[in-house]
Amino acid sequence: MAHKIVPILFFVLSGTVFAVAGWVLLSDSQSPKSPPKPVLVFTPEAVHFGTVLWGIEYGKAVVTNASATSIEIKAVVKGCDCSEVLIKQGALIPGEQREMSFQWDTRGRRGANVISITVLYAVEDDPTERFVPLIIEANIIPDFDISPEKLVFVSDQEDAHQITLTCTEGNFVTVRDVLIQHPAFSAVVSPDMQSATVSFDPERWTDGTRLVQARIVTTSENQPIFLLPINIHVNRTP
């Protein structure tokens, strides 16, 4: 009787082992995979300038090879033409650090702004191009504000709107001129040069032109030209 029990126990135990192994494999395939460890990292991960006036902001960050193999910095991609970047390209051994300096020209920007600088790199024996971005943020205070933010006219109605320039604290900016390259519009600057009136003549407007901008010429050295959009709503009522 004992010799019959042994084979039975063998098959039972074998089945249990295979079941456990299958459960482990299934669990492993269904469990979420952890993200790959970073290879090249920025310190800090983001640069916050806080609230700044129009001008040029200067900053630095350090990239570190956090992997166990050599990597090579290939290039740097600027998020916009308003920034300049300086970093030495070439190989970094494991643990090596390299400083990157940059400058950001904030002139012409307003309020909360974000740009990025991206370093392109490759890992040794791996042709895949990788990248790591540095985020740069600032709340930018301009020399002046223009209101309203856009002008709106109706295609078949004669109308006029006033635009007003308001200086921010510590600045004195005036309106020199308002230029609109469309015969349906005319503009007159106020005597105090703090506002201007834009008039619309529907008889000189053509249905084929709907995107118009007013070029507001100012005395600001940081933004001598301010572009104000003009929207024309087409009235189809007969």
Protein backbone atom coordinates (compact mmCIF):
# COMPACT_ATOMS: atom_id res chain seq x y z
CA MET A 1 0.00 0.00 0.00
CA ALA A 2 2.89 2.33 0.87
CA HIS A 3 4.39 1.98 -2.62
CA LYS A 4 1.14 3.33 -4.11
CA ILE A 5 1.08 6.37 -1.81
CA VAL A 6 4.55 7.58 -2.87
CA PRO A 7 3.67 8.17 -6.57
CA ILE A 8 0.45 9.86 -5.56
CA LEU A 9 2.29 12.19 -3.17
CA PHE A 10 4.85 12.89 -5.93
CA PHE A 11 2.20 13.98 -8.41
CA VAL A 12 0.38 16.03 -5.77
CA LEU A 13 3.57 17.82 -4.69
CA SER A 14 4.66 18.32 -8.30
CA GLY A 15 1.30 19.84 -9.15
CA THR A 16 1.60 22.15 -6.16
CA VAL A 17 5.08 23.27 -7.19
CA PHE A 18 3.97 24.00 -10.78
CA ALA A 19 0.88 25.84 -9.51
CA VAL A 20 2.99 28.03 -7.21
CA ALA A 21 5.50 28.70 -10.00
CA GLY A 22 2.69 29.63 -12.39
CA TRP A 23 1.13 31.92 -9.80
CA VAL A 24 4.48 33.66 -9.25
CA LEU A 25 4.99 34.15 -12.99
CA LEU A 26 1.44 35.42 -13.44
CA SER A 27 1.74 37.78 -10.50
CA ASP A 28 5.05 39.10 -11.82
CA SER A 29 3.57 39.75 -15.27
CA GLN A 30 0.56 41.58 -13.81
CA SER A 31 2.40 43.61 -11.16
CA PRO A 32 3.18 47.23 -12.12
CA LYS A 33 6.71 47.71 -13.32
CA SER A 34 8.81 50.20 -11.42
CA PRO A 35 10.02 53.18 -13.49
CA PRO A 36 13.59 52.99 -14.72
CA LYS A 37 16.18 54.65 -12.53
CA PRO A 38 17.27 58.08 -13.75
CA VAL A 39 20.49 58.20 -15.72
CA LEU A 40 21.16 61.93 -15.98
CA VAL A 41 19.59 64.18 -13.34
CA PHE A 42 19.39 67.93 -12.77
CA THR A 43 20.06 69.61 -9.43
CA PRO A 44 17.81 71.42 -8.85
CA GLU A 45 15.13 69.75 -10.97
CA ALA A 46 13.53 73.17 -11.59
CA VAL A 47 14.60 76.80 -11.19
CA HIS A 48 12.10 79.25 -9.71
CA PHE A 49 13.00 82.93 -10.04
CA GLY A 50 9.87 84.12 -8.23
CA THR A 51 8.54 87.58 -9.15
CA VAL A 52 10.88 89.52 -11.42
CA LEU A 53 10.84 92.71 -13.48
CA TRP A 54 11.54 92.72 -17.21
CA GLY A 55 15.20 92.00 -17.85
CA ILE A 56 17.68 89.14 -18.03
CA GLU A 57 17.74 86.46 -15.34
CA TYR A 58 20.87 84.37 -14.80
CA GLY A 59 20.91 80.87 -13.36
CA LYS A 60 22.88 77.65 -12.94
CA ALA A 61 22.11 73.96 -12.54
CA VAL A 62 24.22 70.81 -12.23
CA VAL A 63 23.75 67.59 -14.18
CA THR A 64 24.92 64.34 -12.59
CA ASN A 65 25.54 60.95 -14.17
CA ALA A 66 23.51 58.85 -11.72
CA SER A 67 24.09 55.58 -13.58
CA ALA A 68 26.77 52.90 -13.35
CA THR A 69 27.97 53.47 -16.91
CA SER A 70 29.43 56.30 -18.95
CA ILE A 71 27.10 58.69 -20.77
CA GLU A 72 27.70 61.38 -23.35
CA ILE A 73 26.04 64.79 -23.53
CA LYS A 74 25.16 65.27 -27.19
CA ALA A 75 23.42 68.64 -27.39
CA VAL A 76 21.20 71.18 -25.64
CA VAL A 77 17.78 72.24 -26.94
CA LYS A 78 16.45 75.65 -25.86
CA GLY A 79 12.74 75.98 -25.28
CA CYS A 80 12.72 79.43 -26.91
CA ASP A 81 15.02 82.02 -28.45
CA CYS A 82 14.72 84.07 -25.27
CA SER A 83 17.29 81.86 -23.51
CA GLU A 84 21.02 81.20 -23.85
CA VAL A 85 22.74 78.07 -22.51
CA LEU A 86 26.32 77.05 -21.85
CA ILE A 87 27.34 73.48 -20.99
CA LYS A 88 30.32 71.40 -22.05
CA GLN A 89 29.41 68.45 -24.24
CA GLY A 90 31.12 65.07 -24.05
CA ALA A 91 31.37 62.04 -21.77
CA LEU A 92 30.55 61.83 -18.07
CA ILE A 93 31.76 58.88 -16.03
CA PRO A 94 29.48 57.41 -13.33
CA GLY A 95 28.93 59.95 -10.55
CA GLU A 96 30.53 62.83 -12.47
CA GLN A 97 28.86 66.25 -12.35
CA ARG A 98 28.84 69.12 -14.83
CA GLU A 99 27.58 72.66 -14.42
CA MET A 100 25.20 74.30 -16.87
CA SER A 101 24.74 78.08 -16.88
CA PHE A 102 21.91 79.90 -18.62
CA GLN A 103 20.24 83.26 -19.02
CA TRP A 104 16.61 84.11 -19.70
CA ASP A 105 15.48 87.34 -21.35
CA THR A 106 12.06 87.95 -19.82
CA ARG A 107 11.33 91.15 -21.73
CA GLY A 108 7.99 91.11 -23.54
CA ARG A 109 6.58 88.36 -21.30
CA ARG A 110 3.89 88.92 -18.71
CA GLY A 111 2.62 87.08 -15.64
CA ALA A 112 3.38 83.42 -14.93
CA ASN A 113 5.82 82.03 -17.50
CA VAL A 114 7.57 78.68 -17.94
CA ILE A 115 10.37 77.72 -20.30
CA SER A 116 12.55 74.62 -20.52
CA ILE A 117 16.12 73.70 -21.42
CA THR A 118 16.62 70.08 -22.51
CA VAL A 119 19.89 68.15 -22.46
CA LEU A 120 20.16 65.35 -25.04
CA TYR A 121 22.43 62.44 -24.12
CA ALA A 122 23.24 58.82 -24.88
CA VAL A 123 24.29 55.91 -22.66
CA GLU A 124 27.46 53.97 -23.47
CA ASP A 125 26.82 51.09 -25.93
CA ASP A 126 23.24 52.29 -26.45
CA PRO A 127 22.51 54.46 -29.53
CA THR A 128 19.11 55.52 -28.19
CA GLU A 129 18.96 59.29 -27.73
CA ARG A 130 17.60 60.30 -24.34
CA PHE A 131 16.80 63.65 -22.79
CA VAL A 132 16.29 65.38 -19.46
CA PRO A 133 14.56 68.80 -19.17
CA LEU A 134 15.23 71.65 -16.76
CA ILE A 135 12.09 73.67 -15.98
CA ILE A 136 12.51 77.41 -15.41
CA GLU A 137 9.68 79.53 -13.99
CA ALA A 138 9.02 83.17 -13.13
CA ASN A 139 6.20 85.60 -12.48
CA ILE A 140 7.12 88.51 -14.75
CA ILE A 141 6.11 92.11 -14.09
CA PRO A 142 6.19 94.25 -17.26
CA ASP A 143 6.93 97.97 -17.59
CA PHE A 144 3.31 98.62 -18.53
CA ASP A 145 -0.08 97.06 -19.20
CA ILE A 146 -2.45 97.69 -22.09
CA SER A 147 -6.22 97.40 -21.75
CA PRO A 148 -8.36 95.99 -23.15
CA GLU A 149 -6.42 92.88 -24.17
CA LYS A 150 -8.09 92.94 -27.61
CA LEU A 151 -10.39 95.15 -29.66
CA VAL A 152 -13.66 93.81 -31.05
CA PHE A 153 -15.64 95.36 -33.91
CA VAL A 154 -18.71 94.27 -35.90
CA SER A 155 -18.26 94.15 -39.67
CA ASP A 156 -21.16 96.43 -40.58
CA GLN A 157 -21.09 98.88 -37.67
CA GLU A 158 -19.06 102.06 -37.42
CA ASP A 159 -17.41 102.12 -34.02
CA ALA A 160 -14.46 103.36 -31.96
CA HIS A 161 -12.66 101.92 -28.92
CA GLN A 162 -10.15 103.39 -26.54
CA ILE A 163 -6.98 101.60 -25.50
CA THR A 164 -5.22 102.66 -22.31
CA LEU A 165 -1.62 102.26 -21.20
CA THR A 166 -1.00 101.86 -17.47
CA CYS A 167 2.56 102.01 -16.11
CA THR A 168 3.65 99.58 -13.41
CA GLU A 169 5.29 100.93 -10.27
CA GLY A 170 8.56 102.75 -10.87
CA ASN A 171 8.12 103.07 -14.64
CA PHE A 172 6.99 105.86 -16.93
CA VAL A 173 5.92 104.72 -20.40
CA THR A 174 3.86 106.55 -23.01
CA VAL A 175 2.21 105.75 -26.33
CA ARG A 176 4.08 107.20 -29.28
CA ASP A 177 1.86 105.93 -32.07
CA VAL A 178 -0.65 103.25 -33.08
CA LEU A 179 -0.13 101.60 -36.47
CA ILE A 180 -2.77 99.44 -38.15
CA GLN A 181 -2.08 98.24 -41.70
CA HIS A 182 -5.67 98.14 -42.89
CA PRO A 183 -7.61 101.02 -44.50
CA ALA A 184 -10.71 100.35 -42.39
CA PHE A 185 -8.93 101.49 -39.21
CA SER A 186 -7.52 104.77 -37.96
CA ALA A 187 -6.00 105.73 -34.62
CA VAL A 188 -5.44 108.94 -32.66
CA VAL A 189 -3.14 109.19 -29.63
CA SER A 190 -4.40 111.27 -26.69
CA PRO A 191 -2.56 114.49 -25.72
CA ASP A 192 -1.20 112.90 -22.51
CA MET A 193 0.05 109.92 -24.58
CA GLN A 194 -1.46 107.45 -22.12
CA SER A 195 -4.25 106.26 -24.38
CA ALA A 196 -5.39 106.13 -28.00
CA THR A 197 -8.69 105.80 -29.83
CA VAL A 198 -9.04 103.24 -32.63
CA SER A 199 -11.89 103.83 -35.10
CA PHE A 200 -13.42 101.36 -37.55
CA ASP A 201 -15.03 102.29 -40.89
CA PRO A 202 -17.16 99.34 -42.15
CA GLU A 203 -17.31 100.77 -45.68
CA ARG A 204 -13.56 100.24 -46.04
CA TRP A 205 -13.53 96.73 -44.61
CA THR A 206 -13.32 93.69 -46.90
CA ASP A 207 -14.75 90.32 -45.93
CA GLY A 208 -11.51 88.60 -46.90
CA THR A 209 -9.51 90.18 -44.06
CA ARG A 210 -10.30 89.17 -40.51
CA LEU A 211 -6.93 88.96 -38.73
CA VAL A 212 -5.73 92.44 -37.84
CA GLN A 213 -3.25 93.72 -35.26
CA ALA A 214 -2.64 97.16 -33.82
CA ARG A 215 1.07 97.90 -33.40
CA ILE A 216 1.28 100.14 -30.36
CA VAL A 217 4.58 102.03 -30.39
CA THR A 218 5.71 102.84 -26.83
CA THR A 219 8.63 104.59 -25.12
CA SER A 220 9.53 101.39 -23.24
CA GLU A 221 13.07 100.22 -23.96
CA ASN A 222 12.05 96.68 -23.01
CA GLN A 223 9.01 96.47 -25.30
CA PRO A 224 8.91 99.31 -27.83
CA ILE A 225 6.22 97.50 -29.88
CA PHE A 226 3.13 95.99 -28.29
CA LEU A 227 0.87 93.91 -30.58
CA LEU A 228 -2.83 94.21 -29.79
CA PRO A 229 -5.19 91.80 -31.63
CA ILE A 230 -8.31 93.13 -33.35
CA ASN A 231 -11.26 90.81 -33.88
CA ILE A 232 -13.92 91.54 -36.50
CA HIS A 233 -17.25 89.80 -35.98
CA VAL A 234 -19.03 89.28 -39.27
CA ASN A 235 -22.70 90.29 -39.21
CA ARG A 236 -24.56 88.11 -41.71
CA THR A 237 -27.98 89.62 -40.99
CA PRO A 238 -29.51 90.91 -44.28
